[in-house]
Every structure is written in C-alpha cells, then in structure tokens.
Amino acid sequence: MTKSRSPIKDKPLRLPGQSVAEEREKLIEDAVGEPILLAMLMLALAALEWWRQYAGTKPSPILFSVAALLTVLYAAYRIIRALPRLRNLGLALEGEKAVGQYLEGLRQGGFHVFHDVIGDGFNVDHVLVGPAGVFTVETKTWSKPMTGSPQIQFDGETIKMGDLSPERDPIIQAKAQANWLRSLLQESTGRRFDVRPVVVFPGWFVKGPSGGYKDVWVLEPKALPSFLDHEPSRLELEDVKLASFHLSRLIRSGEKTR
C-alpha cells in the first residue's frame, strides 16, 4: 500500500471554548464513563451467576450481587459528585461559544479574532487584534437567580454580584492574561503592543464605574463593539498584520506540541 500524508500543513486555530470542551469531555470519560462500564460489568457477572443457578450449575449469585450493588453505588457516587462540575463546564462552554460567535462579527471592522489561546496552565478565551489595539477577552458565564433583576457591579477595581464577591477575582485573572500576551508578542515580534484586558458577562446587566473605565473593561458582550468604535486608532494595518501573524504562528506551534 502506498504511503500517504495529510495535505493540511498547519493545524487549525482553536475554536471558542475548546479548552472547556476538552476538560468537560475528559471529566465525562473519567467520572461518568468508567464507573458506568464498571457497574455494567458487575451487573453482567451477577446476571450470569443467577443464570447458572437457574440452569442447575453451581452459582454464587449472592456474592456477585453484593459486588454489583457496591459497584453501582460507587458509580452513582462518582457521577453525582461530577454533576455540578459538568453543569458548570456546560454553562461555560455555552457562554464561550456564544461570545465567540458574536466576536466573529468584529472581523468586518478590521479585527482579527482568535479563540482559546493556550498558555502555561491556563487559557485566554478570546483575543482581538485590530486598529483599536490588542484585547484579551475573558468570558464569565455566571448563573442568574430565578427571580429579581440582578446586575454585575464594577467600581473600577472589584466585581460584585449584588452583595457577593466571586471566589476568584476576574480582574486579577484578566490583567494576568493581558500581561502574558503582551510579553509573548514582544518576545516574538520585538515590538511592544499594549494589550487591554476585557471581562464580559453574557446575559447580565453590567454597571460600570462612575468615573469611567481605566485599565479593564467589564461589559456585557453586546456593548463591546460600541466601546471599540469609540477607541482611537492605535495600530497601523501593518502592525495588525504583524501581531496577528505571530499570534497565529504561536497558537499553531503550541498545538503541535500538545
């Protein structure tokens, strides 16, 4: 048989929410798939022993039934324990896909859009490179209460949902991502690109600081195009192409080593 190879030279860029999807699939495999297979095996062995008793051979159905029951209980425990994390990952995946599809419309305004940029032990949900500059976009898909009109409050430094503060500060996370991307682009291109962090909350009303935004934007995704439109042009077309080319090359290089 004649040897052949793929005609695709470079791996495709990543999709919105791909890291979340991969983590969710692994969790389903580890916490749901394996316990179910183990439980089915034990049930099959127990059924075999009951059949042996019915057929007149020397069975041990009680022993296998106890083992099957214990295995089923273990599988149920693993699955129930994984359900909250699965729900959270499903919600996060839905949010990242929705925001990613929405951001794709910014290409008409001259932006290059990248999704799920992988760092060392973390990922940046989305990156925008365009005339207004370079932006990292962190998506936070938080569940809303069934009643009332809750809102996200941002005072310029901290985020609150009503009177509650998140366990992990999205502002610190967003700034760290922007700093990482700034260093990455500078190392790759030899040029310093200012990178602005953005945190978006799909489906929430976001109340911003009274004095206006400074270092970080905290927005509902639909407000992002308006904010970008009011930004001055910071990058020439060649700069946009340079940053986008190096970023896409870094993403593809990272995919080869994964």
C-alpha atoms as a PDB file:
ATOM      1  CA  MET A   1       0.000   0.000   0.000  1.00  0.00           C
ATOM      2  CA  THR A   2       1.359   3.419  -0.991  1.00  0.00           C
ATOM      3  CA  LYS A   3       2.167   5.658   1.955  1.00  0.00           C
ATOM      4  CA  SER A   4       0.387   8.974   2.143  1.00  0.00           C
ATOM      5  CA  ARG A   5       0.239  12.029   4.360  1.00  0.00           C
ATOM      6  CA  SER A   6      -2.270  14.703   5.227  1.00  0.00           C
ATOM      7  CA  PRO A   7      -2.492  17.668   2.825  1.00  0.00           C
ATOM      8  CA  ILE A   8      -3.036  20.016   5.796  1.00  0.00           C
ATOM      9  CA  LYS A   9       0.310  21.585   6.671  1.00  0.00           C
ATOM     10  CA  ASP A  10      -0.710  23.593   9.751  1.00  0.00           C
ATOM     11  CA  LYS A  11      -3.126  22.662  12.481  1.00  0.00           C
ATOM     12  CA  PRO A  12      -6.298  24.797  12.507  1.00  0.00           C
ATOM     13  CA  LEU A  13      -6.706  27.575  15.023  1.00  0.00           C
ATOM     14  CA  ARG A  14      -8.688  26.736  18.136  1.00  0.00           C
ATOM     15  CA  LEU A  15     -12.447  27.111  18.469  1.00  0.00           C
ATOM     16  CA  PRO A  16     -14.371  29.128  21.066  1.00  0.00           C
ATOM     17  CA  GLY A  17     -14.492  27.205  24.333  1.00  0.00           C
ATOM     18  CA  GLN A  18     -12.275  24.377  23.075  1.00  0.00           C
ATOM     19  CA  SER A  19     -10.378  24.078  26.383  1.00  0.00           C
ATOM     20  CA  VAL A  20     -13.636  23.902  28.314  1.00  0.00           C
ATOM     21  CA  ALA A  21     -14.996  21.300  25.883  1.00  0.00           C
ATOM     22  CA  GLU A  22     -11.847  19.183  26.244  1.00  0.00           C
ATOM     23  CA  GLU A  23     -11.983  19.396  30.038  1.00  0.00           C
ATOM     24  CA  ARG A  24     -15.685  18.506  30.019  1.00  0.00           C
ATOM     25  CA  GLU A  25     -15.126  15.501  27.745  1.00  0.00           C
ATOM     26  CA  LYS A  26     -12.314  14.246  29.995  1.00  0.00           C
ATOM     27  CA  LEU A  27     -14.498  14.656  33.071  1.00  0.00           C
ATOM     28  CA  ILE A  28     -17.323  12.717  31.400  1.00  0.00           C
ATOM     29  CA  GLU A  29     -14.895   9.949  30.467  1.00  0.00           C
ATOM     30  CA  ASP A  30     -13.280   9.749  33.915  1.00  0.00           C
ATOM     31  CA  ALA A  31     -16.201  10.420  36.258  1.00  0.00           C
ATOM     32  CA  VAL A  32     -19.109   9.009  34.244  1.00  0.00           C
ATOM     33  CA  GLY A  33     -17.928   6.627  31.538  1.00  0.00           C
ATOM     34  CA  GLU A  34     -15.577   4.461  33.603  1.00  0.00           C
ATOM     35  CA  PRO A  35     -17.956   3.981  36.577  1.00  0.00           C
ATOM     36  CA  ILE A  36     -20.826   3.098  34.246  1.00  0.00           C
ATOM     37  CA  LEU A  37     -18.724   0.499  32.407  1.00  0.00           C
ATOM     38  CA  LEU A  38     -17.577  -0.989  35.707  1.00  0.00           C
ATOM     39  CA  ALA A  39     -21.142  -1.129  37.023  1.00  0.00           C
ATOM     40  CA  MET A  40     -22.379  -2.774  33.805  1.00  0.00           C
ATOM     41  CA  LEU A  41     -19.636  -5.382  34.069  1.00  0.00           C
ATOM     42  CA  MET A  42     -20.584  -6.293  37.614  1.00  0.00           C
ATOM     43  CA  LEU A  43     -24.271  -6.430  36.725  1.00  0.00           C
ATOM     44  CA  ALA A  44     -23.458  -8.749  33.841  1.00  0.00           C
ATOM     45  CA  LEU A  45     -21.474 -11.043  36.160  1.00  0.00           C
ATOM     46  CA  ALA A  46     -24.324 -11.072  38.680  1.00  0.00           C
ATOM     47  CA  ALA A  47     -26.815 -11.895  35.914  1.00  0.00           C
ATOM     48  CA  LEU A  48     -24.544 -14.721  34.758  1.00  0.00           C
ATOM     49  CA  GLU A  49     -24.496 -16.227  38.245  1.00  0.00           C
ATOM     50  CA  TRP A  50     -28.275 -16.068  38.502  1.00  0.00           C
ATOM     51  CA  TRP A  51     -28.492 -17.806  35.139  1.00  0.00           C
ATOM     52  CA  ARG A  52     -26.127 -20.504  36.351  1.00  0.00           C
ATOM     53  CA  GLN A  53     -28.379 -21.077  39.335  1.00  0.00           C
ATOM     54  CA  TYR A  54     -31.415 -21.281  37.062  1.00  0.00           C
ATOM     55  CA  ALA A  55     -29.559 -23.731  34.769  1.00  0.00           C
ATOM     56  CA  GLY A  56     -28.648 -26.011  37.653  1.00  0.00           C
ATOM     57  CA  THR A  57     -24.906 -25.356  37.848  1.00  0.00           C
ATOM     58  CA  LYS A  58     -23.114 -24.206  40.990  1.00  0.00           C
ATOM     59  CA  PRO A  59     -23.605 -20.445  41.122  1.00  0.00           C
ATOM     60  CA  SER A  60     -22.668 -17.760  43.655  1.00  0.00           C
ATOM     61  CA  PRO A  61     -25.308 -15.107  42.850  1.00  0.00           C
ATOM     62  CA  ILE A  62     -25.382 -13.533  46.290  1.00  0.00           C
ATOM     63  CA  LEU A  63     -21.655 -12.771  46.259  1.00  0.00           C
ATOM     64  CA  PHE A  64     -21.765 -11.287  42.769  1.00  0.00           C
ATOM     65  CA  SER A  65     -24.969  -9.387  43.513  1.00  0.00           C
ATOM     66  CA  VAL A  66     -23.359  -7.750  46.548  1.00  0.00           C
ATOM     67  CA  ALA A  67     -20.313  -6.868  44.446  1.00  0.00           C
ATOM     68  CA  ALA A  68     -22.577  -5.467  41.716  1.00  0.00           C
ATOM     69  CA  LEU A  69     -24.548  -3.411  44.237  1.00  0.00           C
ATOM     70  CA  LEU A  70     -21.393  -1.939  45.705  1.00  0.00           C
ATOM     71  CA  THR A  71     -20.083  -1.133  42.246  1.00  0.00           C
ATOM     72  CA  VAL A  72     -23.348   0.534  41.225  1.00  0.00           C
ATOM     73  CA  LEU A  73     -23.305   2.617  44.408  1.00  0.00           C
ATOM     74  CA  TYR A  74     -19.705   3.645  43.698  1.00  0.00           C
ATOM     75  CA  ALA A  75     -20.584   4.584  40.122  1.00  0.00           C
ATOM     76  CA  ALA A  76     -23.579   6.600  41.311  1.00  0.00           C
ATOM     77  CA  TYR A  77     -21.380   8.416  43.849  1.00  0.00           C
ATOM     78  CA  ARG A  78     -18.812   9.318  41.187  1.00  0.00           C
ATOM     79  CA  ILE A  79     -21.464  10.543  38.757  1.00  0.00           C
ATOM     80  CA  ILE A  80     -23.407  12.577  41.321  1.00  0.00           C
ATOM     81  CA  ARG A  81     -20.185  14.142  42.550  1.00  0.00           C
ATOM     82  CA  ALA A  82     -19.251  15.135  38.982  1.00  0.00           C
ATOM     83  CA  LEU A  83     -22.645  16.599  38.031  1.00  0.00           C
ATOM     84  CA  PRO A  84     -22.102  20.135  39.453  1.00  0.00           C
ATOM     85  CA  ARG A  85     -18.763  20.423  37.650  1.00  0.00           C
ATOM     86  CA  LEU A  86     -20.313  19.091  34.446  1.00  0.00           C
ATOM     87  CA  ARG A  87     -23.122  21.648  34.687  1.00  0.00           C
ATOM     88  CA  ASN A  88     -20.622  24.467  35.260  1.00  0.00           C
ATOM     89  CA  LEU A  89     -18.476  23.351  32.328  1.00  0.00           C
ATOM     90  CA  GLY A  90     -21.550  23.079  30.113  1.00  0.00           C
ATOM     91  CA  LEU A  91     -22.580  26.606  31.074  1.00  0.00           C
ATOM     92  CA  ALA A  92     -19.060  27.933  30.476  1.00  0.00           C
ATOM     93  CA  LEU A  93     -18.879  26.199  27.094  1.00  0.00           C
ATOM     94  CA  GLU A  94     -22.222  27.653  26.054  1.00  0.00           C
ATOM     95  CA  GLY A  95     -21.099  31.141  27.082  1.00  0.00           C
ATOM     96  CA  GLU A  96     -17.744  30.971  25.310  1.00  0.00           C
ATOM     97  CA  LYS A  97     -19.339  29.727  22.098  1.00  0.00           C
ATOM     98  CA  ALA A  98     -21.992  32.465  22.202  1.00  0.00           C
ATOM     99  CA  VAL A  99     -19.415  35.198  22.837  1.00  0.00           C
ATOM    100  CA  GLY A 100     -17.060  33.714  20.240  1.00  0.00           C
ATOM    101  CA  GLN A 101     -19.758  33.741  17.569  1.00  0.00           C
ATOM    102  CA  TYR A 102     -20.620  37.318  18.496  1.00  0.00           C
ATOM    103  CA  LEU A 103     -16.990  38.431  18.291  1.00  0.00           C
ATOM    104  CA  GLU A 104     -16.677  36.948  14.809  1.00  0.00           C
ATOM    105  CA  GLY A 105     -18.759  39.897  13.581  1.00  0.00           C
ATOM    106  CA  LEU A 106     -15.895  42.232  14.502  1.00  0.00           C
ATOM    107  CA  ARG A 107     -13.896  40.913  11.558  1.00  0.00           C
ATOM    108  CA  GLN A 108     -15.915  43.277   9.382  1.00  0.00           C
ATOM    109  CA  GLY A 109     -14.375  46.149  11.328  1.00  0.00           C
ATOM    110  CA  GLY A 110     -10.831  45.035  10.596  1.00  0.00           C
ATOM    111  CA  PHE A 111     -10.271  42.862  13.661  1.00  0.00           C
ATOM    112  CA  HIS A 112      -8.526  39.505  13.710  1.00  0.00           C
ATOM    113  CA  VAL A 113     -10.255  37.182  16.168  1.00  0.00           C
ATOM    114  CA  PHE A 114      -8.552  34.278  17.964  1.00  0.00           C
ATOM    115  CA  HIS A 115     -10.233  31.822  20.315  1.00  0.00           C
ATOM    116  CA  ASP A 116      -8.961  29.706  23.198  1.00  0.00           C
ATOM    117  CA  VAL A 117      -5.324  30.783  23.200  1.00  0.00           C
ATOM    118  CA  ILE A 118      -3.440  28.310  25.392  1.00  0.00           C
ATOM    119  CA  GLY A 119      -0.896  29.492  27.955  1.00  0.00           C
ATOM    120  CA  ASP A 120       1.085  27.558  30.563  1.00  0.00           C
ATOM    121  CA  GLY A 121      -1.674  26.030  32.675  1.00  0.00           C
ATOM    122  CA  PHE A 122      -4.366  28.488  31.583  1.00  0.00           C
ATOM    123  CA  ASN A 123      -6.137  29.766  28.502  1.00  0.00           C
ATOM    124  CA  VAL A 124      -7.302  33.119  27.150  1.00  0.00           C
ATOM    125  CA  ASP A 125     -10.883  32.767  25.918  1.00  0.00           C
ATOM    126  CA  HIS A 126     -10.574  35.258  23.043  1.00  0.00           C
ATOM    127  CA  VAL A 127      -8.045  37.712  21.612  1.00  0.00           C
ATOM    128  CA  LEU A 128      -8.859  40.672  19.355  1.00  0.00           C
ATOM    129  CA  VAL A 129      -6.255  42.397  17.194  1.00  0.00           C
ATOM    130  CA  GLY A 130      -7.380  45.414  15.222  1.00  0.00           C
ATOM    131  CA  PRO A 131      -6.969  49.145  14.611  1.00  0.00           C
ATOM    132  CA  ALA A 132      -8.055  49.940  18.197  1.00  0.00           C
ATOM    133  CA  GLY A 133      -5.308  47.704  19.594  1.00  0.00           C
ATOM    134  CA  VAL A 134      -4.938  44.242  21.108  1.00  0.00           C
ATOM    135  CA  PHE A 135      -7.512  42.957  23.594  1.00  0.00           C
ATOM    136  CA  THR A 136      -7.843  39.811  25.694  1.00  0.00           C
ATOM    137  CA  VAL A 137     -11.443  38.810  26.385  1.00  0.00           C
ATOM    138  CA  GLU A 138     -12.323  36.669  29.397  1.00  0.00           C
ATOM    139  CA  THR A 139     -15.856  35.228  29.360  1.00  0.00           C
ATOM    140  CA  LYS A 140     -17.653  34.705  32.675  1.00  0.00           C
ATOM    141  CA  THR A 141     -20.926  32.822  32.256  1.00  0.00           C
ATOM    142  CA  TRP A 142     -22.472  33.123  35.692  1.00  0.00           C
ATOM    143  CA  SER A 143     -25.844  31.621  36.533  1.00  0.00           C
ATOM    144  CA  LYS A 144     -28.585  34.138  37.328  1.00  0.00           C
ATOM    145  CA  PRO A 145     -31.169  33.763  40.100  1.00  0.00           C
ATOM    146  CA  MET A 146     -34.664  32.736  39.030  1.00  0.00           C
ATOM    147  CA  THR A 147     -36.238  35.991  40.245  1.00  0.00           C
ATOM    148  CA  GLY A 148     -35.269  39.627  40.529  1.00  0.00           C
ATOM    149  CA  SER A 149     -33.105  41.839  38.328  1.00  0.00           C
ATOM    150  CA  PRO A 150     -29.549  41.108  39.419  1.00  0.00           C
ATOM    151  CA  GLN A 151     -26.637  43.013  37.981  1.00  0.00           C
ATOM    152  CA  ILE A 152     -22.864  42.926  37.900  1.00  0.00           C
ATOM    153  CA  GLN A 153     -21.312  45.892  39.672  1.00  0.00           C
ATOM    154  CA  PHE A 154     -17.797  47.058  38.825  1.00  0.00           C
ATOM    155  CA  ASP A 155     -16.283  50.001  40.701  1.00  0.00           C
ATOM    156  CA  GLY A 156     -13.093  50.110  38.668  1.00  0.00           C
ATOM    157  CA  GLU A 157     -11.228  47.620  40.842  1.00  0.00           C
ATOM    158  CA  THR A 158     -13.541  44.867  42.084  1.00  0.00           C
ATOM    159  CA  ILE A 159     -16.566  42.975  40.791  1.00  0.00           C
ATOM    160  CA  LYS A 160     -19.658  42.115  42.790  1.00  0.00           C
ATOM    161  CA  MET A 161     -22.882  40.286  42.049  1.00  0.00           C
ATOM    162  CA  GLY A 162     -25.273  42.021  44.386  1.00  0.00           C
ATOM    163  CA  ASP A 163     -23.523  41.835  47.760  1.00  0.00           C
ATOM    164  CA  LEU A 164     -21.434  38.803  46.794  1.00  0.00           C
ATOM    165  CA  SER A 165     -17.845  38.810  45.578  1.00  0.00           C
ATOM    166  CA  PRO A 166     -16.512  35.960  43.394  1.00  0.00           C
ATOM    167  CA  GLU A 167     -14.087  33.470  44.934  1.00  0.00           C
ATOM    168  CA  ARG A 168     -11.640  34.030  42.066  1.00  0.00           C
ATOM    169  CA  ASP A 169     -11.197  37.668  41.094  1.00  0.00           C
ATOM    170  CA  PRO A 170     -11.838  38.026  37.331  1.00  0.00           C
ATOM    171  CA  ILE A 171      -9.970  41.346  37.274  1.00  0.00           C
ATOM    172  CA  ILE A 172      -6.729  39.808  38.517  1.00  0.00           C
ATOM    173  CA  GLN A 173      -7.170  36.945  36.054  1.00  0.00           C
ATOM    174  CA  ALA A 174      -7.844  39.285  33.111  1.00  0.00           C
ATOM    175  CA  LYS A 175      -4.849  41.513  33.904  1.00  0.00           C
ATOM    176  CA  ALA A 176      -2.564  38.493  34.190  1.00  0.00           C
ATOM    177  CA  GLN A 177      -3.722  37.243  30.795  1.00  0.00           C
ATOM    178  CA  ALA A 178      -3.098  40.639  29.184  1.00  0.00           C
ATOM    179  CA  ASN A 179       0.390  40.851  30.712  1.00  0.00           C
ATOM    180  CA  TRP A 180       1.177  37.344  29.473  1.00  0.00           C
ATOM    181  CA  LEU A 181       0.066  38.132  25.922  1.00  0.00           C
ATOM    182  CA  ARG A 182       1.972  41.433  25.954  1.00  0.00           C
ATOM    183  CA  SER A 183       5.182  39.643  26.895  1.00  0.00           C
ATOM    184  CA  LEU A 184       4.534  36.870  24.378  1.00  0.00           C
ATOM    185  CA  LEU A 185       4.063  39.282  21.481  1.00  0.00           C
ATOM    186  CA  GLN A 186       7.071  41.363  22.487  1.00  0.00           C
ATOM    187  CA  GLU A 187       9.271  38.278  22.637  1.00  0.00           C
ATOM    188  CA  SER A 188       8.020  37.054  19.268  1.00  0.00           C
ATOM    189  CA  THR A 189       7.888  40.332  17.307  1.00  0.00           C
ATOM    190  CA  GLY A 190      10.432  42.505  19.080  1.00  0.00           C
ATOM    191  CA  ARG A 191       7.703  45.155  19.334  1.00  0.00           C
ATOM    192  CA  ARG A 192       5.714  46.235  22.379  1.00  0.00           C
ATOM    193  CA  PHE A 193       1.957  46.003  21.893  1.00  0.00           C
ATOM    194  CA  ASP A 194      -0.301  47.423  24.576  1.00  0.00           C
ATOM    195  CA  VAL A 195      -2.852  44.752  25.488  1.00  0.00           C
ATOM    196  CA  ARG A 196      -6.104  45.721  27.179  1.00  0.00           C
ATOM    197  CA  PRO A 197      -7.983  43.177  29.302  1.00  0.00           C
ATOM    198  CA  VAL A 198     -11.747  42.809  28.897  1.00  0.00           C
ATOM    199  CA  VAL A 199     -14.149  40.746  31.023  1.00  0.00           C
ATOM    200  CA  VAL A 200     -17.585  40.019  29.555  1.00  0.00           C
ATOM    201  CA  PHE A 201     -20.675  38.644  31.305  1.00  0.00           C
ATOM    202  CA  PRO A 202     -23.179  37.205  28.779  1.00  0.00           C
ATOM    203  CA  GLY A 203     -26.786  37.959  29.661  1.00  0.00           C
ATOM    204  CA  TRP A 204     -26.038  40.244  32.602  1.00  0.00           C
ATOM    205  CA  PHE A 205     -26.590  43.947  33.064  1.00  0.00           C
ATOM    206  CA  VAL A 206     -23.211  45.425  33.976  1.00  0.00           C
ATOM    207  CA  LYS A 207     -22.997  48.650  35.959  1.00  0.00           C
ATOM    208  CA  GLY A 208     -19.640  50.287  35.354  1.00  0.00           C
ATOM    209  CA  PRO A 209     -17.628  52.708  37.474  1.00  0.00           C
ATOM    210  CA  SER A 210     -18.917  56.260  37.797  1.00  0.00           C
ATOM    211  CA  GLY A 211     -15.591  57.721  36.703  1.00  0.00           C
ATOM    212  CA  GLY A 212     -15.366  55.619  33.547  1.00  0.00           C
ATOM    213  CA  TYR A 213     -13.202  52.636  32.690  1.00  0.00           C
ATOM    214  CA  LYS A 214      -9.432  52.760  33.022  1.00  0.00           C
ATOM    215  CA  ASP A 215      -7.328  49.604  32.945  1.00  0.00           C
ATOM    216  CA  VAL A 216     -10.024  46.933  32.467  1.00  0.00           C
ATOM    217  CA  TRP A 217     -13.358  46.866  30.663  1.00  0.00           C
ATOM    218  CA  VAL A 218     -16.151  44.886  32.328  1.00  0.00           C
ATOM    219  CA  LEU A 219     -19.051  44.632  29.897  1.00  0.00           C
ATOM    220  CA  GLU A 220     -21.995  42.741  28.522  1.00  0.00           C
ATOM    221  CA  PRO A 221     -20.716  41.352  25.195  1.00  0.00           C
ATOM    222  CA  LYS A 222     -23.144  43.396  23.100  1.00  0.00           C
ATOM    223  CA  ALA A 223     -21.588  46.597  24.463  1.00  0.00           C
ATOM    224  CA  LEU A 224     -18.087  45.705  23.251  1.00  0.00           C
ATOM    225  CA  PRO A 225     -18.458  46.919  19.611  1.00  0.00           C
ATOM    226  CA  SER A 226     -19.572  50.346  20.825  1.00  0.00           C
ATOM    227  CA  PHE A 227     -16.588  50.607  23.163  1.00  0.00           C
ATOM    228  CA  LEU A 228     -14.240  49.615  20.337  1.00  0.00           C
ATOM    229  CA  ASP A 229     -15.810  52.153  17.976  1.00  0.00           C
ATOM    230  CA  HIS A 230     -15.051  54.952  20.439  1.00  0.00           C
ATOM    231  CA  GLU A 231     -11.403  53.948  20.769  1.00  0.00           C
ATOM    232  CA  PRO A 232      -8.801  55.870  18.757  1.00  0.00           C
ATOM    233  CA  SER A 233      -6.851  54.047  16.076  1.00  0.00           C
ATOM    234  CA  ARG A 234      -3.665  52.781  17.722  1.00  0.00           C
ATOM    235  CA  LEU A 235      -2.315  50.274  15.234  1.00  0.00           C
ATOM    236  CA  GLU A 236      -1.487  50.659  11.573  1.00  0.00           C
ATOM    237  CA  LEU A 237      -2.575  47.914   9.210  1.00  0.00           C
ATOM    238  CA  GLU A 238       0.950  46.513   9.090  1.00  0.00           C
ATOM    239  CA  ASP A 239       1.057  46.345  12.901  1.00  0.00           C
ATOM    240  CA  VAL A 240      -2.253  44.473  12.958  1.00  0.00           C
ATOM    241  CA  LYS A 241      -0.927  42.004  10.410  1.00  0.00           C
ATOM    242  CA  LEU A 242       2.355  41.592  12.309  1.00  0.00           C
ATOM    243  CA  ALA A 243       0.722  40.861  15.672  1.00  0.00           C
ATOM    244  CA  SER A 244      -1.888  38.563  14.103  1.00  0.00           C
ATOM    245  CA  PHE A 245       0.677  36.612  12.102  1.00  0.00           C
ATOM    246  CA  HIS A 246       2.907  35.985  15.110  1.00  0.00           C
ATOM    247  CA  LEU A 247      -0.031  35.108  17.346  1.00  0.00           C
ATOM    248  CA  SER A 248      -1.445  32.608  14.844  1.00  0.00           C
ATOM    249  CA  ARG A 249       2.021  31.079  14.423  1.00  0.00           C
ATOM    250  CA  LEU A 250       2.417  30.742  18.203  1.00  0.00           C
ATOM    251  CA  ILE A 251      -1.012  29.106  18.506  1.00  0.00           C
ATOM    252  CA  ARG A 252      -0.257  26.584  15.765  1.00  0.00           C
ATOM    253  CA  SER A 253       3.173  25.870  17.207  1.00  0.00           C
ATOM    254  CA  GLY A 254       1.580  25.196  20.579  1.00  0.00           C
ATOM    255  CA  GLU A 255      -0.961  22.837  19.023  1.00  0.00           C
ATOM    256  CA  LYS A 256       1.828  20.736  17.503  1.00  0.00           C
ATOM    257  CA  THR A 257       3.343  20.133  20.929  1.00  0.00           C
ATOM    258  CA  ARG A 258       0.049  19.299  22.688  1.00  0.00           C
END
